[in-house]
PDB file of N, CA and C in Angstrom:
ATOM      1  N   UNK A   1      67.328  89.261  82.500  1.00  0.00           N
ATOM      2  CA  UNK A   1      67.996  90.373  83.043  1.00  0.00           C
ATOM      3  C   UNK A   1      67.844  91.293  82.412  1.00  0.00           C
ATOM      4  N   UNK A   2      67.995  92.287  83.230  1.00  0.00           N
ATOM      5  CA  UNK A   2      68.187  94.222  82.215  1.00  0.00           C
ATOM      6  C   UNK A   2      69.330  94.482  81.880  1.00  0.00           C
ATOM      7  N   UNK A   3      69.762  94.556  81.170  1.00  0.00           N
ATOM      8  CA  UNK A   3      71.105  95.241  80.543  1.00  0.00           C
ATOM      9  C   UNK A   3      71.878  96.022  81.387  1.00  0.00           C
ATOM     10  N   UNK A   4      70.780  96.635  82.169  1.00  0.00           N
ATOM     11  CA  UNK A   4      71.778  97.748  83.236  1.00  0.00           C
ATOM     12  C   UNK A   4      71.360  97.370  84.214  1.00  0.00           C
ATOM     13  N   UNK A   5      71.447  95.896  84.593  1.00  0.00           N
ATOM     14  CA  UNK A   5      72.230  95.323  85.831  1.00  0.00           C
ATOM     15  C   UNK A   5      73.612  95.549  86.455  1.00  0.00           C
ATOM     16  N   UNK A   6      74.180  95.647  85.827  1.00  0.00           N
ATOM     17  CA  UNK A   6      75.356  95.817  86.317  1.00  0.00           C
ATOM     18  C   UNK A   6      76.338  96.844  85.111  1.00  0.00           C
ATOM     19  N   UNK A   7      77.278  97.252  85.220  1.00  0.00           N
ATOM     20  CA  UNK A   7      77.809  98.270  84.238  1.00  0.00           C
ATOM     21  C   UNK A   7      78.695  97.296  83.173  1.00  0.00           C
ATOM     22  N   UNK A   8      78.729  97.683  81.621  1.00  0.00           N
ATOM     23  CA  UNK A   8      79.088  96.968  80.473  1.00  0.00           C
ATOM     24  C   UNK A   8      80.266  96.064  80.907  1.00  0.00           C
ATOM     25  N   UNK A   9      81.123  96.982  81.346  1.00  0.00           N
ATOM     26  CA  UNK A   9      82.405  96.193  81.712  1.00  0.00           C
ATOM     27  C   UNK A   9      82.323  94.708  82.597  1.00  0.00           C
ATOM     28  N   UNK A  10      81.449  94.627  83.369  1.00  0.00           N
ATOM     29  CA  UNK A  10      81.276  93.723  84.379  1.00  0.00           C
ATOM     30  C   UNK A  10      79.740  92.810  83.834  1.00  0.00           C
ATOM     31  N   UNK A  11      79.655  92.665  82.540  1.00  0.00           N
ATOM     32  CA  UNK A  11      78.717  92.019  82.157  1.00  0.00           C
ATOM     33  C   UNK A  11      78.964  90.475  82.114  1.00  0.00           C
ATOM     34  N   UNK A  12      79.728  90.299  82.030  1.00  0.00           N
ATOM     35  CA  UNK A  12      80.417  88.681  82.744  1.00  0.00           C
ATOM     36  C   UNK A  12      79.652  88.145  83.954  1.00  0.00           C
ATOM     37  N   UNK A  13      79.461  89.155  85.007  1.00  0.00           N
ATOM     38  CA  UNK A  13      78.932  89.072  86.324  1.00  0.00           C
ATOM     39  C   UNK A  13      77.241  89.097  86.510  1.00  0.00           C
ATOM     40  N   UNK A  14      76.713  89.232  85.303  1.00  0.00           N
ATOM     41  CA  UNK A  14      75.330  89.664  85.448  1.00  0.00           C
ATOM     42  C   UNK A  14      74.787  88.298  85.922  1.00  0.00           C
ATOM     43  N   UNK A  15      75.074  87.275  85.736  1.00  0.00           N
ATOM     44  CA  UNK A  15      74.133  85.859  86.086  1.00  0.00           C
ATOM     45  C   UNK A  15      74.018  85.781  87.696  1.00  0.00           C
ATOM     46  N   UNK A  16      75.200  86.905  88.664  1.00  0.00           N
ATOM     47  CA  UNK A  16      75.113  86.696  89.159  1.00  0.00           C
ATOM     48  C   UNK A  16      74.039  87.882  90.327  1.00  0.00           C
ATOM     49  N   UNK A  17      73.091  87.998  89.850  1.00  0.00           N
ATOM     50  CA  UNK A  17      71.988  89.096  89.969  1.00  0.00           C
ATOM     51  C   UNK A  17      70.892  88.452  91.346  1.00  0.00           C
ATOM     52  N   UNK A  18      71.268  87.345  91.819  1.00  0.00           N
ATOM     53  CA  UNK A  18      70.778  87.156  93.397  1.00  0.00           C
ATOM     54  C   UNK A  18      71.761  87.208  94.023  1.00  0.00           C
ATOM     55  N   UNK A  19      73.134  87.635  93.933  1.00  0.00           N
ATOM     56  CA  UNK A  19      73.552  88.086  95.214  1.00  0.00           C
ATOM     57  C   UNK A  19      73.633  89.543  95.107  1.00  0.00           C
ATOM     58  N   UNK A  20      73.113  90.216  94.760  1.00  0.00           N
ATOM     59  CA  UNK A  20      72.654  91.731  95.019  1.00  0.00           C
ATOM     60  C   UNK A  20      71.799  92.228  95.178  1.00  0.00           C
ATOM     61  N   UNK A  21      72.489  92.056  96.695  1.00  0.00           N
ATOM     62  CA  UNK A  21      71.362  92.324  98.264  1.00  0.00           C
ATOM     63  C   UNK A  21      71.421  93.996  98.609  1.00  0.00           C
ATOM     64  N   UNK A  22      70.517  94.198  98.852  1.00  0.00           N
ATOM     65  CA  UNK A  22      70.831  95.964  99.473  1.00  0.00           C
ATOM     66  C   UNK A  22      70.939  96.287 100.856  1.00  0.00           C
ATOM     67  N   UNK A  23      70.467  95.581 101.135  1.00  0.00           N
ATOM     68  CA  UNK A  23      70.746  95.668 102.847  1.00  0.00           C
ATOM     69  C   UNK A  23      71.872  94.820 103.625  1.00  0.00           C
ATOM     70  N   UNK A  24      72.415  95.047 104.561  1.00  0.00           N
ATOM     71  CA  UNK A  24      73.084  94.312 105.305  1.00  0.00           C
ATOM     72  C   UNK A  24      72.800  92.944 105.777  1.00  0.00           C
ATOM     73  N   UNK A  25      71.600  93.469 106.530  1.00  0.00           N
ATOM     74  CA  UNK A  25      70.854  92.221 106.916  1.00  0.00           C
ATOM     75  C   UNK A  25      70.342  90.990 105.825  1.00  0.00           C
ATOM     76  N   UNK A  26      69.989  91.568 104.975  1.00  0.00           N
ATOM     77  CA  UNK A  26      69.775  90.388 103.381  1.00  0.00           C
ATOM     78  C   UNK A  26      70.869  89.606 103.262  1.00  0.00           C
ATOM     79  N   UNK A  27      71.712  90.521 102.931  1.00  0.00           N
ATOM     80  CA  UNK A  27      73.376  90.323 102.637  1.00  0.00           C
ATOM     81  C   UNK A  27      73.388  88.862 103.728  1.00  0.00           C
ATOM     82  N   UNK A  28      73.608  89.061 105.192  1.00  0.00           N
ATOM     83  CA  UNK A  28      73.890  88.332 106.131  1.00  0.00           C
ATOM     84  C   UNK A  28      73.161  86.804 106.264  1.00  0.00           C
ATOM     85  N   UNK A  29      71.842  86.858 105.889  1.00  0.00           N
ATOM     86  CA  UNK A  29      70.730  86.121 105.906  1.00  0.00           C
ATOM     87  C   UNK A  29      71.231  85.355 104.206  1.00  0.00           C
ATOM     88  N   UNK A  30      71.701  86.000 103.223  1.00  0.00           N
ATOM     89  CA  UNK A  30      71.844  85.285 102.172  1.00  0.00           C
ATOM     90  C   UNK A  30      73.174  84.691 102.170  1.00  0.00           C
ATOM     91  N   UNK A  31      74.152  85.193 102.908  1.00  0.00           N
ATOM     92  CA  UNK A  31      75.501  84.313 103.254  1.00  0.00           C
ATOM     93  C   UNK A  31      75.234  83.162 104.151  1.00  0.00           C
ATOM     94  N   UNK A  32      74.514  83.045 105.266  1.00  0.00           N
ATOM     95  CA  UNK A  32      74.087  82.261 106.151  1.00  0.00           C
ATOM     96  C   UNK A  32      73.118  81.054 105.395  1.00  0.00           C
ATOM     97  N   UNK A  33      72.774  81.626 104.458  1.00  0.00           N
ATOM     98  CA  UNK A  33      71.436  80.612 103.805  1.00  0.00           C
ATOM     99  C   UNK A  33      72.372  79.778 102.561  1.00  0.00           C
ATOM    100  N   UNK A  34      73.456  80.224 102.397  1.00  0.00           N
ATOM    101  CA  UNK A  34      73.607  79.428 101.099  1.00  0.00           C
ATOM    102  C   UNK A  34      74.550  78.093 101.562  1.00  0.00           C
ATOM    103  N   UNK A  35      75.041  77.341 101.260  1.00  0.00           N
ATOM    104  CA  UNK A  35      75.937  76.207 101.191  1.00  0.00           C
ATOM    105  C   UNK A  35      77.680  76.431 101.216  1.00  0.00           C
ATOM    106  N   UNK A  36      78.335  76.407 101.508  1.00  0.00           N
ATOM    107  CA  UNK A  36      79.800  76.583 101.753  1.00  0.00           C
ATOM    108  C   UNK A  36      80.100  76.579 100.029  1.00  0.00           C
ATOM    109  N   UNK A  37      79.463  75.827  98.736  1.00  0.00           N
ATOM    110  CA  UNK A  37      80.004  75.792  97.866  1.00  0.00           C
ATOM    111  C   UNK A  37      79.577  76.854  97.071  1.00  0.00           C
ATOM    112  N   UNK A  38      78.288  76.958  96.956  1.00  0.00           N
ATOM    113  CA  UNK A  38      77.801  78.207  96.339  1.00  0.00           C
ATOM    114  C   UNK A  38      78.248  79.576  96.651  1.00  0.00           C
ATOM    115  N   UNK A  39      78.547  79.271  98.218  1.00  0.00           N
ATOM    116  CA  UNK A  39      79.129  80.593  98.422  1.00  0.00           C
ATOM    117  C   UNK A  39      80.620  80.707  97.796  1.00  0.00           C
ATOM    118  N   UNK A  40      81.708  79.636  97.676  1.00  0.00           N
ATOM    119  CA  UNK A  40      83.133  79.619  97.685  1.00  0.00           C
ATOM    120  C   UNK A  40      83.117  79.942  95.914  1.00  0.00           C
ATOM    121  N   UNK A  41      81.915  79.446  95.252  1.00  0.00           N
ATOM    122  CA  UNK A  41      81.902  79.624  93.684  1.00  0.00           C
ATOM    123  C   UNK A  41      81.672  81.265  93.486  1.00  0.00           C
ATOM    124  N   UNK A  42      80.406  81.635  94.531  1.00  0.00           N
ATOM    125  CA  UNK A  42      80.425  82.835  94.001  1.00  0.00           C
ATOM    126  C   UNK A  42      81.375  83.917  94.043  1.00  0.00           C
ATOM    127  N   UNK A  43      82.356  83.902  95.837  1.00  0.00           N
ATOM    128  CA  UNK A  43      83.712  84.405  95.917  1.00  0.00           C
ATOM    129  C   UNK A  43      84.801  83.979  94.588  1.00  0.00           C
ATOM    130  N   UNK A  44      84.725  82.711  94.183  1.00  0.00           N
ATOM    131  CA  UNK A  44      85.977  82.577  92.954  1.00  0.00           C
ATOM    132  C   UNK A  44      85.568  83.046  91.880  1.00  0.00           C
ATOM    133  N   UNK A  45      84.475  83.740  91.777  1.00  0.00           N
ATOM    134  CA  UNK A  45      84.009  84.651  90.237  1.00  0.00           C
ATOM    135  C   UNK A  45      83.646  85.616  90.704  1.00  0.00           C
ATOM    136  N   UNK A  46      83.637  86.381  91.400  1.00  0.00           N
ATOM    137  CA  UNK A  46      84.065  87.958  91.748  1.00  0.00           C
ATOM    138  C   UNK A  46      85.283  88.521  92.300  1.00  0.00           C
ATOM    139  N   UNK A  47      85.502  87.613  92.986  1.00  0.00           N
ATOM    140  CA  UNK A  47      86.555  88.412  93.713  1.00  0.00           C
ATOM    141  C   UNK A  47      88.167  88.911  92.746  1.00  0.00           C
ATOM    142  N   UNK A  48      87.979  87.630  92.078  1.00  0.00           N
ATOM    143  CA  UNK A  48      89.258  88.121  91.010  1.00  0.00           C
ATOM    144  C   UNK A  48      88.853  89.617  90.407  1.00  0.00           C
ATOM    145  N   UNK A  49      87.457  89.594  90.484  1.00  0.00           N
ATOM    146  CA  UNK A  49      87.214  91.152  89.699  1.00  0.00           C
ATOM    147  C   UNK A  49      87.538  92.549  90.613  1.00  0.00           C
ATOM    148  N   UNK A  50      87.798  92.060  91.662  1.00  0.00           N
ATOM    149  CA  UNK A  50      87.521  93.454  92.967  1.00  0.00           C
ATOM    150  C   UNK A  50      88.429  94.553  92.667  1.00  0.00           C
ATOM    151  N   UNK A  51      89.806  94.128  91.732  1.00  0.00           N
ATOM    152  CA  UNK A  51      90.560  95.199  91.730  1.00  0.00           C
ATOM    153  C   UNK A  51      89.794  96.134  90.676  1.00  0.00           C
ATOM    154  N   UNK A  52      89.451  95.594  89.882  1.00  0.00           N
ATOM    155  CA  UNK A  52      88.491  96.303  88.416  1.00  0.00           C
ATOM    156  C   UNK A  52      87.211  96.964  89.253  1.00  0.00           C
ATOM    157  N   UNK A  53      86.397  96.049  89.910  1.00  0.00           N
ATOM    158  CA  UNK A  53      85.672  96.850  90.509  1.00  0.00           C
ATOM    159  C   UNK A  53      85.456  98.223  91.366  1.00  0.00           C
ATOM    160  N   UNK A  54      86.858  98.110  92.345  1.00  0.00           N
ATOM    161  CA  UNK A  54      86.568  99.097  93.036  1.00  0.00           C
ATOM    162  C   UNK A  54      87.477 100.062  92.194  1.00  0.00           C
ATOM    163  N   UNK A  55      88.226 100.005  91.105  1.00  0.00           N
ATOM    164  CA  UNK A  55      88.822 101.074  90.415  1.00  0.00           C
ATOM    165  C   UNK A  55      87.648 101.745  89.595  1.00  0.00           C
ATOM    166  N   UNK A  56      86.526 101.010  89.195  1.00  0.00           N
ATOM    167  CA  UNK A  56      85.267 101.535  88.545  1.00  0.00           C
ATOM    168  C   UNK A  56      84.425 102.068  89.512  1.00  0.00           C
ATOM    169  N   UNK A  57      84.617 101.468  90.914  1.00  0.00           N
ATOM    170  CA  UNK A  57      83.513 102.465  91.496  1.00  0.00           C
ATOM    171  C   UNK A  57      84.092 103.653  92.416  1.00  0.00           C
ATOM    172  N   UNK A  58      85.832 103.943  92.207  1.00  0.00           N
ATOM    173  CA  UNK A  58      86.135 105.059  92.918  1.00  0.00           C
ATOM    174  C   UNK A  58      86.194 106.072  91.929  1.00  0.00           C
ATOM    175  N   UNK A  59      85.824 106.099  90.494  1.00  0.00           N
ATOM    176  CA  UNK A  59      85.173 106.620  89.328  1.00  0.00           C
ATOM    177  C   UNK A  59      84.209 107.406  89.881  1.00  0.00           C
ATOM    178  N   UNK A  60      83.501 106.906  90.148  1.00  0.00           N
ATOM    179  CA  UNK A  60      81.833 107.525  90.588  1.00  0.00           C
ATOM    180  C   UNK A  60      81.768 107.956  91.364  1.00  0.00           C
ATOM    181  N   UNK A  61      80.982 109.116  91.413  1.00  0.00           N
ATOM    182  CA  UNK A  61      80.287 109.835  92.561  1.00  0.00           C
ATOM    183  C   UNK A  61      79.704 109.176  93.522  1.00  0.00           C
ATOM    184  N   UNK A  62      79.380 108.793  94.456  1.00  0.00           N
ATOM    185  CA  UNK A  62      77.873 108.410  95.288  1.00  0.00           C
ATOM    186  C   UNK A  62      76.911 108.627  94.805  1.00  0.00           C
ATOM    187  N   UNK A  63      76.535 109.891  94.764  1.00  0.00           N
ATOM    188  CA  UNK A  63      75.554 110.782  94.412  1.00  0.00           C
ATOM    189  C   UNK A  63      75.040 110.757  93.208  1.00  0.00           C
ATOM    190  N   UNK A  64      75.868 110.504  92.078  1.00  0.00           N
ATOM    191  CA  UNK A  64      76.092 110.169  90.793  1.00  0.00           C
ATOM    192  C   UNK A  64      75.435 109.132  90.353  1.00  0.00           C
ATOM    193  N   UNK A  65      75.575 107.759  91.236  1.00  0.00           N
ATOM    194  CA  UNK A  65      75.744 106.510  90.679  1.00  0.00           C
ATOM    195  C   UNK A  65      74.092 106.359  90.288  1.00  0.00           C
ATOM    196  N   UNK A  66      74.379 105.574  88.977  1.00  0.00           N
ATOM    197  CA  UNK A  66      72.810 104.751  88.696  1.00  0.00           C
ATOM    198  C   UNK A  66      72.777 102.981  89.055  1.00  0.00           C
ATOM    199  N   UNK A  67      71.947 102.777  89.099  1.00  0.00           N
ATOM    200  CA  UNK A  67      71.563 101.946  89.704  1.00  0.00           C
ATOM    201  C   UNK A  67      72.599 100.451  89.363  1.00  0.00           C
ATOM    202  N   UNK A  68      73.356 100.602  87.672  1.00  0.00           N
ATOM    203  CA  UNK A  68      73.940  99.292  87.766  1.00  0.00           C
ATOM    204  C   UNK A  68      75.389  99.663  88.316  1.00  0.00           C
ATOM    205  N   UNK A  69      75.911 101.147  88.683  1.00  0.00           N
ATOM    206  CA  UNK A  69      76.701 101.028  89.682  1.00  0.00           C
ATOM    207  C   UNK A  69      76.673 101.032  90.810  1.00  0.00           C
ATOM    208  N   UNK A  70      75.411 100.919  91.692  1.00  0.00           N
ATOM    209  CA  UNK A  70      74.928 100.783  92.742  1.00  0.00           C
ATOM    210  C   UNK A  70      74.887  98.986  92.698  1.00  0.00           C
ATOM    211  N   UNK A  71      74.169  98.417  91.952  1.00  0.00           N
ATOM    212  CA  UNK A  71      74.142  96.944  92.150  1.00  0.00           C
ATOM    213  C   UNK A  71      75.800  96.138  92.293  1.00  0.00           C
ATOM    214  N   UNK A  72      77.081  97.016  91.519  1.00  0.00           N
ATOM    215  CA  UNK A  72      78.046  96.428  91.203  1.00  0.00           C
ATOM    216  C   UNK A  72      78.829  96.591  92.868  1.00  0.00           C
ATOM    217  N   UNK A  73      78.329  97.915  93.256  1.00  0.00           N
ATOM    218  CA  UNK A  73      78.649  97.844  94.889  1.00  0.00           C
ATOM    219  C   UNK A  73      78.286  96.774  95.811  1.00  0.00           C
ATOM    220  N   UNK A  74      76.818  96.790  95.459  1.00  0.00           N
ATOM    221  CA  UNK A  74      76.003  95.501  96.362  1.00  0.00           C
ATOM    222  C   UNK A  74      76.860  94.236  96.103  1.00  0.00           C
ATOM    223  N   UNK A  75      77.239  94.048  94.831  1.00  0.00           N
ATOM    224  CA  UNK A  75      77.762  92.806  94.119  1.00  0.00           C
ATOM    225  C   UNK A  75      79.066  92.640  95.077  1.00  0.00           C
ATOM    226  N   UNK A  76      80.137  93.808  95.057  1.00  0.00           N
ATOM    227  CA  UNK A  76      81.320  93.751  95.881  1.00  0.00           C
ATOM    228  C   UNK A  76      80.960  93.626  97.707  1.00  0.00           C
ATOM    229  N   UNK A  77      79.848  94.071  97.910  1.00  0.00           N
ATOM    230  CA  UNK A  77      79.597  94.463  99.353  1.00  0.00           C
ATOM    231  C   UNK A  77      79.202  92.576  99.671  1.00  0.00           C
ATOM    232  N   UNK A  78      78.837  92.177  99.058  1.00  0.00           N
ATOM    233  CA  UNK A  78      78.145  90.608  98.843  1.00  0.00           C
ATOM    234  C   UNK A  78      79.521  89.736  98.942  1.00  0.00           C
ATOM    235  N   UNK A  79      80.627  89.982  98.094  1.00  0.00           N
ATOM    236  CA  UNK A  79      81.493  88.968  97.811  1.00  0.00           C
ATOM    237  C   UNK A  79      82.448  89.344  99.319  1.00  0.00           C
ATOM    238  N   UNK A  80      82.251  90.507 100.223  1.00  0.00           N
ATOM    239  CA  UNK A  80      82.988  90.630 101.105  1.00  0.00           C
ATOM    240  C   UNK A  80      82.377  90.154 102.186  1.00  0.00           C
ATOM    241  N   UNK A  81      81.135  89.777 102.568  1.00  0.00           N
ATOM    242  CA  UNK A  81      79.990  89.069 102.864  1.00  0.00           C
ATOM    243  C   UNK A  81      80.949  87.898 103.108  1.00  0.00           C
ATOM    244  N   UNK A  82      80.864  87.089 102.397  1.00  0.00           N
ATOM    245  CA  UNK A  82      81.205  85.772 102.094  1.00  0.00           C
ATOM    246  C   UNK A  82      82.759  84.899 102.136  1.00  0.00           C
ATOM    247  N   UNK A  83      83.683  86.454 102.016  1.00  0.00           N
ATOM    248  CA  UNK A  83      85.132  86.379 102.266  1.00  0.00           C
ATOM    249  C   UNK A  83      85.223  85.574 103.329  1.00  0.00           C
ATOM    250  N   UNK A  84      84.976  85.702 104.443  1.00  0.00           N
ATOM    251  CA  UNK A  84      85.202  84.862 105.858  1.00  0.00           C
ATOM    252  C   UNK A  84      85.655  83.480 106.007  1.00  0.00           C
ATOM    253  N   UNK A  85      83.838  82.933 105.675  1.00  0.00           N
ATOM    254  CA  UNK A  85      84.150  81.504 105.701  1.00  0.00           C
ATOM    255  C   UNK A  85      84.798  80.800 104.914  1.00  0.00           C
ATOM    256  N   UNK A  86      84.835  81.922 103.001  1.00  0.00           N
ATOM    257  CA  UNK A  86      85.522  80.951 102.038  1.00  0.00           C
ATOM    258  C   UNK A  86      87.145  81.025 102.960  1.00  0.00           C
ATOM    259  N   UNK A  87      87.771  82.364 102.945  1.00  0.00           N
ATOM    260  CA  UNK A  87      89.289  82.242 103.234  1.00  0.00           C
ATOM    261  C   UNK A  87      89.389  81.644 104.366  1.00  0.00           C
ATOM    262  N   UNK A  88      88.430  81.224 105.502  1.00  0.00           N
ATOM    263  CA  UNK A  88      88.858  80.749 106.814  1.00  0.00           C
ATOM    264  C   UNK A  88      88.690  79.237 106.550  1.00  0.00           C
ATOM    265  N   UNK A  89      88.344  79.054 105.351  1.00  0.00           N
ATOM    266  CA  UNK A  89      88.167  77.603 105.370  1.00  0.00           C
ATOM    267  C   UNK A  89      87.292  76.788 105.936  1.00  0.00           C
ATOM    268  N   UNK A  90      85.793  77.564 106.303  1.00  0.00           N
ATOM    269  CA  UNK A  90      84.956  77.022 106.704  1.00  0.00           C
ATOM    270  C   UNK A  90      83.903  75.799 106.156  1.00  0.00           C
ATOM    271  N   UNK A  91      83.319  74.839 107.253  1.00  0.00           N
ATOM    272  CA  UNK A  91      82.619  74.153 106.247  1.00  0.00           C
ATOM    273  C   UNK A  91      81.430  74.287 105.968  1.00  0.00           C
ATOM    274  N   UNK A  92      80.933  75.309 106.720  1.00  0.00           N
ATOM    275  CA  UNK A  92      79.603  75.971 106.582  1.00  0.00           C
ATOM    276  C   UNK A  92      79.745  77.557 106.128  1.00  0.00           C
ATOM    277  N   UNK A  93      78.576  78.262 105.803  1.00  0.00           N
ATOM    278  CA  UNK A  93      78.716  79.474 105.828  1.00  0.00           C
ATOM    279  C   UNK A  93      77.993  80.314 107.447  1.00  0.00           C
ATOM    280  N   UNK A  94      77.927  79.590 107.941  1.00  0.00           N
ATOM    281  CA  UNK A  94      77.705  80.031 109.384  1.00  0.00           C
ATOM    282  C   UNK A  94      78.529  78.856 110.222  1.00  0.00           C
ATOM    283  N   UNK A  95      78.595  79.354 111.310  1.00  0.00           N
ATOM    284  CA  UNK A  95      79.044  78.470 112.576  1.00  0.00           C
ATOM    285  C   UNK A  95      78.471  78.361 114.100  1.00  0.00           C
ATOM    286  N   UNK A  96      78.144  77.258 114.325  1.00  0.00           N
ATOM    287  CA  UNK A  96      77.600  77.063 115.447  1.00  0.00           C
ATOM    288  C   UNK A  96      77.271  77.468 116.546  1.00  0.00           C
ATOM    289  N   UNK A  97      78.638  78.084 117.368  1.00  0.00           N
ATOM    290  CA  UNK A  97      78.803  78.860 118.400  1.00  0.00           C
ATOM    291  C   UNK A  97      79.027  80.505 118.294  1.00  0.00           C
ATOM    292  N   UNK A  98      78.189  80.805 116.380  1.00  0.00           N
ATOM    293  CA  UNK A  98      78.185  81.801 116.462  1.00  0.00           C
ATOM    294  C   UNK A  98      77.347  82.775 117.100  1.00  0.00           C
ATOM    295  N   UNK A  99      77.440  84.497 117.346  1.00  0.00           N
ATOM    296  CA  UNK A  99      76.168  85.257 117.843  1.00  0.00           C
ATOM    297  C   UNK A  99      74.923  84.633 117.118  1.00  0.00           C
ATOM    298  N   UNK A 100      73.856  84.253 117.312  1.00  0.00           N
ATOM    299  CA  UNK A 100      72.736  83.972 117.006  1.00  0.00           C
ATOM    300  C   UNK A 100      72.388  85.268 116.202  1.00  0.00           C
ATOM    301  N   UNK A 101      71.856  85.016 114.631  1.00  0.00           N
ATOM    302  CA  UNK A 101      70.899  86.099 113.944  1.00  0.00           C
ATOM    303  C   UNK A 101      70.441  86.570 114.507  1.00  0.00           C
ATOM    304  N   UNK A 102      69.628  85.902 115.062  1.00  0.00           N
ATOM    305  CA  UNK A 102      67.900  86.687 115.660  1.00  0.00           C
ATOM    306  C   UNK A 102      68.258  87.481 116.891  1.00  0.00           C
ATOM    307  N   UNK A 103      69.515  87.276 117.422  1.00  0.00           N
ATOM    308  CA  UNK A 103      69.605  88.324 118.066  1.00  0.00           C
ATOM    309  C   UNK A 103      70.330  89.798 117.678  1.00  0.00           C
ATOM    310  N   UNK A 104      71.303  89.588 116.455  1.00  0.00           N
ATOM    311  CA  UNK A 104      71.658  90.780 115.681  1.00  0.00           C
ATOM    312  C   UNK A 104      70.573  92.039 115.199  1.00  0.00           C
ATOM    313  N   UNK A 105      70.847  93.480 116.607  1.00  0.00           N
ATOM    314  CA  UNK A 105      70.244  94.495 115.693  1.00  0.00           C
ATOM    315  C   UNK A 105      70.576  95.196 114.658  1.00  0.00           C
ATOM    316  N   UNK A 106      70.132  94.705 113.708  1.00  0.00           N
ATOM    317  CA  UNK A 106      70.674  95.471 112.472  1.00  0.00           C
ATOM    318  C   UNK A 106      69.932  96.969 112.211  1.00  0.00           C
ATOM    319  N   UNK A 107      70.711  97.528 112.131  1.00  0.00           N
ATOM    320  CA  UNK A 107      70.687  99.345 111.461  1.00  0.00           C
ATOM    321  C   UNK A 107      70.046  99.632 110.025  1.00  0.00           C
ATOM    322  N   UNK A 108      69.730 100.421 110.094  1.00  0.00           N
ATOM    323  CA  UNK A 108      68.554 100.543 109.058  1.00  0.00           C
ATOM    324  C   UNK A 108      69.833 101.185 108.188  1.00  0.00           C
ATOM    325  N   UNK A 109      69.824 101.111 106.599  1.00  0.00           N
ATOM    326  CA  UNK A 109      70.720 101.434 106.021  1.00  0.00           C
ATOM    327  C   UNK A 109      70.332 103.108 105.800  1.00  0.00           C
ATOM    328  N   UNK A 110      71.692 103.920 105.660  1.00  0.00           N
ATOM    329  CA  UNK A 110      71.214 105.233 105.588  1.00  0.00           C
ATOM    330  C   UNK A 110      71.955 106.239 104.126  1.00  0.00           C
ATOM    331  N   UNK A 111      71.965 104.835 103.769  1.00  0.00           N
ATOM    332  CA  UNK A 111      72.349 105.848 101.936  1.00  0.00           C
ATOM    333  C   UNK A 111      70.898 105.709 101.357  1.00  0.00           C
ATOM    334  N   UNK A 112      70.078 105.129 101.846  1.00  0.00           N
ATOM    335  CA  UNK A 112      68.888 104.914 101.127  1.00  0.00           C
ATOM    336  C   UNK A 112      68.785 104.715  99.483  1.00  0.00           C
ATOM    337  N   UNK A 113      68.718 103.151  99.405  1.00  0.00           N
ATOM    338  CA  UNK A 113      69.183 102.598  97.764  1.00  0.00           C
ATOM    339  C   UNK A 113      67.587 103.025  97.572  1.00  0.00           C
TER     340      UNK A 113
END
């Protein structure tokens, strides 16, 4: 992995590179494709760092973010995606009677990663 994957202060999270997903649809599919234990492990690793992540990102203008800062933003976004099944104690990352993903119309990303 590139040293620029994440900012240096978050080097301990670099092993989570597969969770850096640039689109809402991709993050949703990653979440529902993961088993609950894998999602829980990811969440338990990233969530305790969220305050530091937020403070770091608050100090960087969106327009001037480099790849490492954007990846950190995407990692935090993924953490929020998995927070529902983890915090609500679901047995899986998706529920049987949820609105089917195949019927969800995801909007294109406006930020242009």
